[in-house]
Amino acid sequence: MVIAMTAENKIPNIEILFDLADLFKVFGDSTRLRIMYALSDSEVNVQGIAEALEMDQSTISHQLRVLRNNKLVRARREGKQIYYSLDDDHVKKIIEMGLDHVLE
């Protein structure tokens, strides 16, 4: 038996779509994208990110908080230092796919 799929059946719940839109808003900031690129291959502390991006540590810390709240970045404490990395491979894939699309 074949069940016909309608557009309604394929569209996720409105609350899920709102969450998805919020996620894309986070990706809509170039500073946050630069931070995620800086974290794409290794863990880095705030000072290292600030130096790599030539930005103030307070700006980096603020954006890291946004990224952590949206589960895009995770933190690991080692003594007094906190090291940041991308939360998982999905984040890196989203960035790579976006870049591929822009470069087409």
N, C-alpha and C. Protein backbone atom coordinates (compact mmCIF):
# COMPACT_ATOMS: atom_id res chain seq x y z
N MET A 1 0.84 -1.18 0.00
CA MET A 1 0.00 0.00 0.00
C MET A 1 0.88 1.24 0.00
N VAL A 2 0.64 2.15 -0.90
CA VAL A 2 1.40 3.39 -1.00
C VAL A 2 0.56 4.52 -0.41
N ILE A 3 1.19 5.26 0.49
CA ILE A 3 0.50 6.39 1.12
C ILE A 3 1.03 7.67 0.49
N ALA A 4 0.15 8.48 -0.04
CA ALA A 4 0.55 9.74 -0.66
C ALA A 4 0.98 10.73 0.42
N MET A 5 2.13 11.33 0.22
CA MET A 5 2.63 12.34 1.16
C MET A 5 2.21 13.72 0.65
N THR A 6 1.70 14.51 1.55
CA THR A 6 1.36 15.88 1.20
C THR A 6 2.42 16.80 1.79
N ALA A 7 2.41 18.03 1.36
CA ALA A 7 3.36 19.01 1.89
C ALA A 7 3.18 19.15 3.39
N GLU A 8 1.94 19.06 3.87
CA GLU A 8 1.66 19.16 5.31
C GLU A 8 2.37 18.08 6.10
N ASN A 9 2.44 16.88 5.56
CA ASN A 9 3.06 15.76 6.27
C ASN A 9 4.58 15.92 6.36
N LYS A 10 5.17 16.69 5.48
CA LYS A 10 6.63 16.84 5.44
C LYS A 10 7.12 18.03 6.26
N ILE A 11 6.25 18.93 6.60
CA ILE A 11 6.65 20.13 7.33
C ILE A 11 6.69 19.82 8.82
N PRO A 12 7.86 20.06 9.46
CA PRO A 12 7.95 19.81 10.91
C PRO A 12 7.03 20.74 11.70
N ASN A 13 6.81 20.37 12.92
CA ASN A 13 6.03 21.15 13.87
C ASN A 13 6.54 22.59 13.89
N ILE A 14 5.65 23.57 14.05
CA ILE A 14 6.00 24.99 14.01
C ILE A 14 7.04 25.34 15.07
N GLU A 15 6.97 24.72 16.25
CA GLU A 15 7.94 25.01 17.31
C GLU A 15 9.34 24.55 16.91
N ILE A 16 9.42 23.44 16.22
CA ILE A 16 10.71 22.94 15.72
C ILE A 16 11.26 23.91 14.68
N LEU A 17 10.39 24.42 13.83
CA LEU A 17 10.83 25.38 12.81
C LEU A 17 11.32 26.69 13.45
N PHE A 18 10.67 27.13 14.54
CA PHE A 18 11.14 28.31 15.25
C PHE A 18 12.54 28.06 15.82
N ASP A 19 12.75 26.86 16.40
CA ASP A 19 14.07 26.51 16.94
C ASP A 19 15.12 26.49 15.83
N LEU A 20 14.75 25.97 14.66
CA LEU A 20 15.67 25.93 13.53
C LEU A 20 16.00 27.34 13.05
N ALA A 21 15.00 28.20 12.99
CA ALA A 21 15.24 29.59 12.59
C ALA A 21 16.18 30.28 13.58
N ASP A 22 15.99 30.02 14.87
CA ASP A 22 16.89 30.60 15.88
C ASP A 22 18.32 30.10 15.70
N LEU A 23 18.47 28.83 15.36
CA LEU A 23 19.80 28.28 15.12
C LEU A 23 20.47 29.00 13.96
N PHE A 24 19.74 29.21 12.89
CA PHE A 24 20.32 29.89 11.74
C PHE A 24 20.64 31.36 12.05
N LYS A 25 19.90 31.98 12.95
CA LYS A 25 20.23 33.34 13.37
C LYS A 25 21.60 33.38 14.02
N VAL A 26 21.92 32.36 14.80
CA VAL A 26 23.23 32.30 15.45
C VAL A 26 24.33 32.22 14.40
N PHE A 27 24.09 31.47 13.35
CA PHE A 27 25.06 31.36 12.25
C PHE A 27 25.11 32.63 11.42
N GLY A 28 24.18 33.53 11.61
CA GLY A 28 24.10 34.76 10.82
C GLY A 28 25.04 35.86 11.27
N ASP A 29 25.89 35.60 12.23
CA ASP A 29 26.81 36.62 12.73
C ASP A 29 28.23 36.24 12.32
N SER A 30 28.92 37.14 11.62
CA SER A 30 30.25 36.82 11.10
C SER A 30 31.27 36.60 12.21
N THR A 31 31.15 37.29 13.33
CA THR A 31 32.08 37.07 14.45
C THR A 31 31.92 35.66 14.99
N ARG A 32 30.70 35.21 15.16
CA ARG A 32 30.48 33.84 15.65
C ARG A 32 30.99 32.82 14.65
N LEU A 33 30.81 33.08 13.36
CA LEU A 33 31.34 32.16 12.35
C LEU A 33 32.86 32.11 12.41
N ARG A 34 33.50 33.24 12.59
CA ARG A 34 34.96 33.28 12.69
C ARG A 34 35.42 32.47 13.91
N ILE A 35 34.71 32.61 15.01
CA ILE A 35 35.06 31.84 16.22
C ILE A 35 34.90 30.35 15.95
N MET A 36 33.81 29.96 15.30
CA MET A 36 33.61 28.54 15.02
C MET A 36 34.69 28.00 14.09
N TYR A 37 35.12 28.82 13.11
CA TYR A 37 36.22 28.40 12.25
C TYR A 37 37.50 28.22 13.06
N ALA A 38 37.75 29.13 14.01
CA ALA A 38 38.94 29.02 14.85
C ALA A 38 38.92 27.75 15.69
N LEU A 39 37.72 27.26 16.00
CA LEU A 39 37.58 26.05 16.82
C LEU A 39 37.38 24.79 15.99
N SER A 40 37.38 24.91 14.68
CA SER A 40 37.01 23.77 13.85
C SER A 40 38.00 22.61 13.88
N ASP A 41 39.26 22.87 14.23
CA ASP A 41 40.24 21.79 14.21
C ASP A 41 40.81 21.44 15.58
N SER A 42 40.65 22.33 16.56
CA SER A 42 41.22 22.04 17.87
C SER A 42 40.58 22.89 18.96
N GLU A 43 40.84 22.51 20.20
CA GLU A 43 40.39 23.30 21.34
C GLU A 43 41.27 24.54 21.45
N VAL A 44 40.63 25.64 21.82
CA VAL A 44 41.37 26.89 21.98
C VAL A 44 40.75 27.65 23.16
N ASN A 45 41.59 28.34 23.93
CA ASN A 45 41.06 29.16 25.02
C ASN A 45 40.70 30.54 24.49
N VAL A 46 40.06 31.35 25.32
CA VAL A 46 39.58 32.67 24.89
C VAL A 46 40.73 33.53 24.38
N GLN A 47 41.84 33.51 25.10
CA GLN A 47 42.98 34.33 24.69
C GLN A 47 43.48 33.91 23.32
N GLY A 48 43.55 32.61 23.07
CA GLY A 48 44.00 32.12 21.77
C GLY A 48 43.06 32.53 20.64
N ILE A 49 41.77 32.47 20.91
CA ILE A 49 40.79 32.88 19.90
C ILE A 49 40.92 34.38 19.64
N ALA A 50 41.02 35.15 20.73
CA ALA A 50 41.13 36.61 20.60
C ALA A 50 42.37 36.99 19.79
N GLU A 51 43.48 36.33 20.05
CA GLU A 51 44.71 36.62 19.30
C GLU A 51 44.57 36.23 17.84
N ALA A 52 44.00 35.05 17.58
CA ALA A 52 43.84 34.58 16.20
C ALA A 52 42.94 35.50 15.39
N LEU A 53 41.90 36.04 16.05
CA LEU A 53 40.94 36.89 15.34
C LEU A 53 41.22 38.37 15.50
N GLU A 54 42.27 38.69 16.29
CA GLU A 54 42.62 40.09 16.57
C GLU A 54 41.42 40.87 17.10
N MET A 55 40.83 40.31 18.17
CA MET A 55 39.65 40.91 18.79
C MET A 55 39.84 40.91 20.31
N ASP A 56 39.02 41.70 20.99
CA ASP A 56 39.06 41.76 22.45
C ASP A 56 38.52 40.46 23.05
N GLN A 57 39.12 40.07 24.18
CA GLN A 57 38.67 38.86 24.86
C GLN A 57 37.22 38.99 25.33
N SER A 58 36.80 40.18 25.73
CA SER A 58 35.42 40.34 26.21
C SER A 58 34.42 40.09 25.08
N THR A 59 34.75 40.52 23.88
CA THR A 59 33.88 40.27 22.72
C THR A 59 33.80 38.78 22.44
N ILE A 60 34.94 38.12 22.49
CA ILE A 60 34.99 36.68 22.24
C ILE A 60 34.17 35.94 23.30
N SER A 61 34.36 36.32 24.56
CA SER A 61 33.63 35.66 25.66
C SER A 61 32.13 35.80 25.49
N HIS A 62 31.68 36.99 25.10
CA HIS A 62 30.25 37.21 24.89
C HIS A 62 29.72 36.30 23.79
N GLN A 63 30.43 36.23 22.68
CA GLN A 63 29.97 35.40 21.57
C GLN A 63 30.05 33.91 21.90
N LEU A 64 31.05 33.52 22.68
CA LEU A 64 31.14 32.12 23.11
C LEU A 64 29.94 31.74 23.97
N ARG A 65 29.48 32.66 24.80
CA ARG A 65 28.30 32.41 25.62
C ARG A 65 27.08 32.14 24.73
N VAL A 66 26.92 32.93 23.68
CA VAL A 66 25.81 32.71 22.74
C VAL A 66 25.95 31.34 22.09
N LEU A 67 27.16 31.00 21.66
CA LEU A 67 27.39 29.72 21.00
C LEU A 67 27.16 28.54 21.96
N ARG A 68 27.57 28.68 23.20
CA ARG A 68 27.35 27.62 24.20
C ARG A 68 25.86 27.47 24.49
N ASN A 69 25.16 28.58 24.64
CA ASN A 69 23.72 28.52 24.92
C ASN A 69 22.94 27.83 23.80
N ASN A 70 23.48 27.88 22.60
CA ASN A 70 22.83 27.25 21.45
C ASN A 70 23.44 25.88 21.12
N LYS A 71 24.25 25.37 22.04
CA LYS A 71 24.85 24.03 21.92
C LYS A 71 25.68 23.85 20.66
N LEU A 72 26.37 24.92 20.26
CA LEU A 72 27.25 24.84 19.11
C LEU A 72 28.71 24.70 19.53
N VAL A 73 29.00 25.13 20.75
CA VAL A 73 30.35 25.09 21.30
C VAL A 73 30.28 24.48 22.70
N ARG A 74 31.31 23.73 23.06
CA ARG A 74 31.39 23.19 24.42
C ARG A 74 32.69 23.66 25.07
N ALA A 75 32.71 23.60 26.38
CA ALA A 75 33.86 24.07 27.15
C ALA A 75 34.41 22.94 28.01
N ARG A 76 35.73 22.99 28.20
CA ARG A 76 36.40 22.02 29.06
C ARG A 76 37.39 22.81 29.92
N ARG A 77 37.28 22.62 31.22
CA ARG A 77 38.16 23.34 32.15
C ARG A 77 39.41 22.50 32.42
N GLU A 78 40.55 23.19 32.38
CA GLU A 78 41.82 22.58 32.75
C GLU A 78 42.53 23.58 33.66
N GLY A 79 42.44 23.34 34.97
CA GLY A 79 42.97 24.30 35.93
C GLY A 79 42.15 25.58 35.87
N LYS A 80 42.84 26.69 35.66
CA LYS A 80 42.15 27.97 35.55
C LYS A 80 41.72 28.29 34.12
N GLN A 81 42.21 27.52 33.18
CA GLN A 81 41.90 27.77 31.77
C GLN A 81 40.66 27.00 31.33
N ILE A 82 39.90 27.62 30.44
CA ILE A 82 38.76 26.95 29.83
C ILE A 82 39.04 26.87 28.33
N TYR A 83 38.94 25.67 27.81
CA TYR A 83 39.19 25.44 26.39
C TYR A 83 37.86 25.17 25.69
N TYR A 84 37.70 25.75 24.54
CA TYR A 84 36.46 25.64 23.77
C TYR A 84 36.70 24.84 22.51
N SER A 85 35.66 24.12 22.10
CA SER A 85 35.69 23.37 20.84
C SER A 85 34.26 23.32 20.30
N LEU A 86 34.16 22.95 19.04
CA LEU A 86 32.82 22.77 18.47
C LEU A 86 32.13 21.63 19.20
N ASP A 87 30.84 21.75 19.40
CA ASP A 87 30.11 20.78 20.20
C ASP A 87 30.13 19.39 19.58
N ASP A 88 29.98 19.30 18.27
CA ASP A 88 30.01 18.00 17.60
C ASP A 88 30.26 18.19 16.11
N ASP A 89 30.33 17.07 15.40
CA ASP A 89 30.62 17.12 13.96
C ASP A 89 29.51 17.79 13.15
N HIS A 90 28.27 17.79 13.69
CA HIS A 90 27.17 18.44 12.96
C HIS A 90 27.46 19.92 12.73
N VAL A 91 28.03 20.56 13.73
CA VAL A 91 28.32 21.99 13.62
C VAL A 91 29.31 22.23 12.49
N LYS A 92 30.36 21.44 12.46
CA LYS A 92 31.36 21.58 11.40
C LYS A 92 30.74 21.31 10.01
N LYS A 93 29.87 20.32 9.94
CA LYS A 93 29.22 20.00 8.67
C LYS A 93 28.32 21.14 8.20
N ILE A 94 27.59 21.76 9.12
CA ILE A 94 26.73 22.89 8.75
C ILE A 94 27.57 24.01 8.16
N ILE A 95 28.69 24.31 8.80
CA ILE A 95 29.58 25.37 8.31
C ILE A 95 30.13 25.00 6.93
N GLU A 96 30.61 23.76 6.79
CA GLU A 96 31.17 23.32 5.51
C GLU A 96 30.14 23.36 4.40
N MET A 97 28.91 22.91 4.70
CA MET A 97 27.86 22.91 3.68
C MET A 97 27.49 24.33 3.28
N GLY A 98 27.44 25.24 4.26
CA GLY A 98 27.16 26.64 3.95
C GLY A 98 28.22 27.24 3.06
N LEU A 99 29.49 26.95 3.38
CA LEU A 99 30.59 27.46 2.58
C LEU A 99 30.54 26.89 1.16
N ASP A 100 30.28 25.59 1.04
CA ASP A 100 30.15 24.98 -0.29
C ASP A 100 29.06 25.67 -1.10
N HIS A 101 27.96 25.97 -0.45
CA HIS A 101 26.84 26.62 -1.14
C HIS A 101 27.24 28.02 -1.61
N VAL A 102 27.91 28.76 -0.76
CA VAL A 102 28.33 30.14 -1.10
C VAL A 102 29.34 30.13 -2.25
N LEU A 103 30.21 29.12 -2.27
CA LEU A 103 31.26 29.06 -3.28
C LEU A 103 30.80 28.49 -4.62
N GLU A 104 29.58 27.96 -4.69
CA GLU A 104 29.08 27.40 -5.96
C GLU A 104 28.95 28.46 -7.02
